[in-house]
Amino acid sequence: MEDIKKAIVEFLESGKTKTKFYFKDIEKAVKDKVPNARTLQIKKACSALINEGVLIYYSTGSTTMYGLKGKGITEDH
């Protein structure tokens, strides 16, 4: 799972203009780097990174996105 976590963080850090991403975008980027990663493994890695304080959920009410904690505008800023 560490390789999946690393791929997620690298993808989110590479965002030059965007700070929040849909899960489908993250999933596609991870599968490009770790081809044998399954969707459930990627979701679990995202949840683990949220629990570790690396990622945050960002919800607009109808859509949930993921972002790096402290990057961009969030509810706690």
C-alpha atoms as a PDB file:
ATOM      1  CA  MET A   1       0.000   0.000   0.000  1.00  0.00           C
ATOM      2  CA  GLU A   2       2.987   2.320   0.527  1.00  0.00           C
ATOM      3  CA  ASP A   3       3.619   2.508  -3.212  1.00  0.00           C
ATOM      4  CA  ILE A   4      -0.015   3.516  -3.764  1.00  0.00           C
ATOM      5  CA  LYS A   5       0.189   6.180  -1.030  1.00  0.00           C
ATOM      6  CA  LYS A   6       3.382   7.545  -2.579  1.00  0.00           C
ATOM      7  CA  ALA A   7       1.753   7.700  -6.037  1.00  0.00           C
ATOM      8  CA  ILE A   8      -1.263   9.558  -4.597  1.00  0.00           C
ATOM      9  CA  VAL A   9       0.867  12.175  -2.826  1.00  0.00           C
ATOM     10  CA  GLU A  10       3.100  12.647  -5.886  1.00  0.00           C
ATOM     11  CA  PHE A  11       0.033  13.177  -8.084  1.00  0.00           C
ATOM     12  CA  LEU A  12      -1.527  15.691  -5.716  1.00  0.00           C
ATOM     13  CA  GLU A  13       1.758  17.579  -5.335  1.00  0.00           C
ATOM     14  CA  SER A  14       2.150  17.773  -9.113  1.00  0.00           C
ATOM     15  CA  GLY A  15      -1.024  19.848  -9.479  1.00  0.00           C
ATOM     16  CA  LYS A  16       0.220  23.250 -10.643  1.00  0.00           C
ATOM     17  CA  THR A  17      -3.124  25.035 -10.713  1.00  0.00           C
ATOM     18  CA  LYS A  18      -5.533  22.625  -9.038  1.00  0.00           C
ATOM     19  CA  THR A  19      -5.464  21.810  -5.350  1.00  0.00           C
ATOM     20  CA  LYS A  20      -8.512  19.497  -5.178  1.00  0.00           C
ATOM     21  CA  PHE A  21      -9.061  16.366  -7.247  1.00  0.00           C
ATOM     22  CA  TYR A  22     -11.876  13.896  -7.874  1.00  0.00           C
ATOM     23  CA  PHE A  23     -11.255  10.290  -6.854  1.00  0.00           C
ATOM     24  CA  LYS A  24     -11.461   9.194 -10.509  1.00  0.00           C
ATOM     25  CA  ASP A  25      -8.530  11.519 -11.355  1.00  0.00           C
ATOM     26  CA  ILE A  26      -6.489  10.093  -8.485  1.00  0.00           C
ATOM     27  CA  GLU A  27      -7.410   6.540  -9.462  1.00  0.00           C
ATOM     28  CA  LYS A  28      -6.292   7.070 -13.067  1.00  0.00           C
ATOM     29  CA  ALA A  29      -2.970   8.621 -12.002  1.00  0.00           C
ATOM     30  CA  VAL A  30      -2.247   5.824  -9.520  1.00  0.00           C
ATOM     31  CA  LYS A  31      -3.071   3.102 -12.058  1.00  0.00           C
ATOM     32  CA  ASP A  32      -0.623   4.750 -14.492  1.00  0.00           C
ATOM     33  CA  LYS A  33       2.182   4.380 -11.907  1.00  0.00           C
ATOM     34  CA  VAL A  34       1.009   1.173 -10.192  1.00  0.00           C
ATOM     35  CA  PRO A  35      -0.824  -0.804 -12.894  1.00  0.00           C
ATOM     36  CA  ASN A  36      -1.887  -3.668 -10.604  1.00  0.00           C
ATOM     37  CA  ALA A  37      -3.564  -1.328  -8.055  1.00  0.00           C
ATOM     38  CA  ARG A  38      -7.265  -1.991  -7.570  1.00  0.00           C
ATOM     39  CA  THR A  39      -9.895   0.667  -6.885  1.00  0.00           C
ATOM     40  CA  LEU A  40     -10.550  -0.558  -3.336  1.00  0.00           C
ATOM     41  CA  GLN A  41      -6.822  -0.464  -2.532  1.00  0.00           C
ATOM     42  CA  ILE A  42      -6.641   3.136  -3.770  1.00  0.00           C
ATOM     43  CA  LYS A  43      -9.672   4.126  -1.673  1.00  0.00           C
ATOM     44  CA  LYS A  44      -8.134   2.499   1.401  1.00  0.00           C
ATOM     45  CA  ALA A  45      -4.850   4.316   0.755  1.00  0.00           C
ATOM     46  CA  CYS A  46      -6.709   7.643   0.477  1.00  0.00           C
ATOM     47  CA  SER A  47      -8.506   6.921   3.769  1.00  0.00           C
ATOM     48  CA  ALA A  48      -5.217   6.005   5.450  1.00  0.00           C
ATOM     49  CA  LEU A  49      -3.628   9.262   4.234  1.00  0.00           C
ATOM     50  CA  ILE A  50      -6.613  11.204   5.595  1.00  0.00           C
ATOM     51  CA  ASN A  51      -6.249   9.448   8.969  1.00  0.00           C
ATOM     52  CA  GLU A  52      -2.521  10.265   8.950  1.00  0.00           C
ATOM     53  CA  GLY A  53      -3.327  13.945   8.331  1.00  0.00           C
ATOM     54  CA  VAL A  54      -1.713  14.111   4.892  1.00  0.00           C
ATOM     55  CA  LEU A  55      -4.931  14.481   2.868  1.00  0.00           C
ATOM     56  CA  ILE A  56      -8.273  16.155   3.497  1.00  0.00           C
ATOM     57  CA  TYR A  57     -11.757  15.662   2.141  1.00  0.00           C
ATOM     58  CA  TYR A  58     -13.298  18.683   0.501  1.00  0.00           C
ATOM     59  CA  SER A  59     -17.059  18.575   0.005  1.00  0.00           C
ATOM     60  CA  THR A  60     -19.161  21.059  -1.922  1.00  0.00           C
ATOM     61  CA  GLY A  61     -22.365  19.364  -0.851  1.00  0.00           C
ATOM     62  CA  SER A  62     -22.833  17.365  -4.021  1.00  0.00           C
ATOM     63  CA  THR A  63     -19.227  16.450  -4.759  1.00  0.00           C
ATOM     64  CA  THR A  64     -16.390  15.125  -2.633  1.00  0.00           C
ATOM     65  CA  MET A  65     -12.820  15.863  -3.611  1.00  0.00           C
ATOM     66  CA  TYR A  66      -9.405  15.155  -2.119  1.00  0.00           C
ATOM     67  CA  GLY A  67      -6.543  17.561  -1.527  1.00  0.00           C
ATOM     68  CA  LEU A  68      -3.300  17.895   0.357  1.00  0.00           C
ATOM     69  CA  LYS A  69      -3.744  19.317   3.824  1.00  0.00           C
ATOM     70  CA  GLY A  70      -2.657  22.963   3.966  1.00  0.00           C
ATOM     71  CA  LYS A  71      -2.648  23.440   0.199  1.00  0.00           C
ATOM     72  CA  GLY A  72      -5.329  25.665  -1.313  1.00  0.00           C
ATOM     73  CA  ILE A  73      -8.493  26.946   0.299  1.00  0.00           C
ATOM     74  CA  THR A  74     -10.158  24.596   2.779  1.00  0.00           C
ATOM     75  CA  GLU A  75     -12.939  24.858   5.338  1.00  0.00           C
ATOM     76  CA  ASP A  76     -10.454  25.436   8.164  1.00  0.00           C
ATOM     77  CA  HIS A  77      -8.739  28.422   6.454  1.00  0.00           C
END
